[in-house]
Amino acid sequence: MDFKKIYKVKGFKYILATVLFVVVILFIDPNNLLVTGRLHRQVNALHAEERNLREAIVADSIAAADLRENPDALEHYGRENYYMKRSNEDIFVVR
C-alpha cells in the first residue's frame, strides 16, 4: 500500500513537470510557439512578395527589351504614359 502511494506522488510530479514544461514552451518563453508561428507566417508572406517581385522583374525586363528593339513600341509607350505627341496633332485626355 505504501509503495502505490509513493508511485502516485512520483507520477504526479512527472505530470506536473510535463504540464509546466508545456506551459513554458507555449506561452512564457520569449521564443514561444505563438511567436514562432507569427514569424513563420511573416516569412511565408515575404516569400510570396519575393515571388511576385521576381515575376514583375521578368515582365519589366521583357518590356524594356521590347522598347529597346522596337521603335513602334517605344512610340506607343511614350504616347500612352507621357502623353507625347507629334507636332501636327492634338491630344485629348478623357478620364
Protein backbone atom coordinates (compact mmCIF):
# COMPACT_ATOMS: atom_id res chain seq x y z
CA MET A 1 0.00 0.00 0.00
CA ASP A 2 2.79 2.36 0.83
CA PHE A 3 4.52 1.66 -2.49
CA LYS A 4 1.40 2.60 -4.51
CA LYS A 5 1.09 5.87 -2.62
CA ILE A 6 4.72 6.76 -3.38
CA TYR A 7 4.22 5.85 -7.07
CA LYS A 8 1.16 8.11 -7.25
CA VAL A 9 3.13 11.04 -5.80
CA LYS A 10 6.04 10.45 -8.18
CA GLY A 11 3.65 10.06 -11.10
CA PHE A 12 2.00 13.33 -10.13
CA LYS A 13 5.42 15.02 -10.09
CA TYR A 14 6.13 13.86 -13.63
CA ILE A 15 2.74 15.00 -14.87
CA LEU A 16 3.16 18.36 -13.15
CA ALA A 17 6.64 18.79 -14.62
CA THR A 18 5.36 17.92 -18.10
CA VAL A 19 2.44 20.35 -17.84
CA LEU A 20 4.75 23.07 -16.54
CA PHE A 21 7.17 22.44 -19.41
CA VAL A 22 4.38 22.66 -21.99
CA VAL A 23 3.08 25.91 -20.48
CA VAL A 24 6.56 27.43 -20.52
CA ILE A 25 7.16 26.40 -24.12
CA LEU A 26 3.75 27.58 -25.33
CA PHE A 27 3.37 30.90 -23.51
CA ILE A 28 6.20 32.08 -21.25
CA ASP A 29 9.41 31.53 -23.24
CA PRO A 30 10.49 34.54 -25.38
CA ASN A 31 10.69 32.24 -28.40
CA ASN A 32 7.40 30.50 -27.68
CA LEU A 33 5.28 28.72 -30.24
CA LEU A 34 2.95 31.69 -30.71
CA VAL A 35 5.85 33.98 -31.70
CA THR A 36 7.32 31.24 -33.85
CA GLY A 37 4.01 30.80 -35.69
CA ARG A 38 3.71 34.55 -36.30
CA LEU A 39 7.28 34.68 -37.63
CA HIS A 40 6.58 31.69 -39.86
CA ARG A 41 3.56 33.48 -41.37
CA GLN A 42 5.68 36.59 -41.95
CA VAL A 43 8.35 34.53 -43.70
CA ASN A 44 5.71 32.95 -45.94
CA ALA A 45 4.32 36.40 -46.79
CA LEU A 46 7.82 37.65 -47.63
CA HIS A 47 8.42 34.63 -49.87
CA ALA A 48 5.18 35.35 -51.71
CA GLU A 49 6.17 39.01 -52.11
CA GLU A 50 9.60 37.95 -53.39
CA ARG A 51 7.95 35.65 -55.94
CA ASN A 52 5.68 38.46 -57.12
CA LEU A 53 8.58 40.89 -57.40
CA ARG A 54 10.63 38.38 -59.38
CA GLU A 55 7.72 37.95 -61.79
CA ALA A 56 7.46 41.74 -62.10
CA ILE A 57 11.19 41.96 -62.83
CA VAL A 58 10.86 39.40 -65.60
CA ALA A 59 7.87 41.24 -67.10
CA ASP A 60 9.66 44.60 -66.91
CA SER A 61 12.81 43.11 -68.45
CA ILE A 62 10.77 41.80 -71.37
CA ALA A 63 9.07 45.18 -71.79
CA ALA A 64 12.43 47.03 -71.63
CA ALA A 65 13.93 44.71 -74.24
CA ASP A 66 10.90 45.29 -76.46
CA LEU A 67 11.26 49.06 -76.06
CA ARG A 68 14.96 48.91 -76.98
CA GLU A 69 14.39 46.78 -80.07
CA ASN A 70 11.08 48.08 -81.45
CA PRO A 71 10.75 51.81 -82.25
CA ASP A 72 6.97 51.47 -82.72
CA ALA A 73 6.65 50.06 -79.20
CA LEU A 74 8.75 52.93 -77.87
CA GLU A 75 6.47 55.46 -79.56
CA HIS A 76 3.39 53.66 -78.24
CA TYR A 77 4.81 53.66 -74.71
CA GLY A 78 5.66 57.37 -74.87
CA ARG A 79 2.24 58.29 -76.20
CA GLU A 80 0.36 56.27 -73.56
CA ASN A 81 2.38 57.03 -70.47
CA TYR A 82 3.78 60.50 -71.11
CA TYR A 83 1.13 61.91 -73.48
CA MET A 84 3.77 62.67 -76.10
CA LYS A 85 2.53 63.88 -79.45
CA ARG A 86 3.73 64.76 -82.88
CA SER A 87 3.98 68.41 -83.87
CA ASN A 88 0.89 68.31 -86.10
CA GLU A 89 -1.58 66.64 -83.73
CA ASP A 90 -3.55 67.41 -80.61
CA ILE A 91 -4.12 65.10 -77.65
CA PHE A 92 -7.32 64.98 -75.65
CA VAL A 93 -7.15 63.06 -72.38
CA VAL A 94 -10.52 61.65 -71.33
CA ARG A 95 -10.73 60.07 -67.89
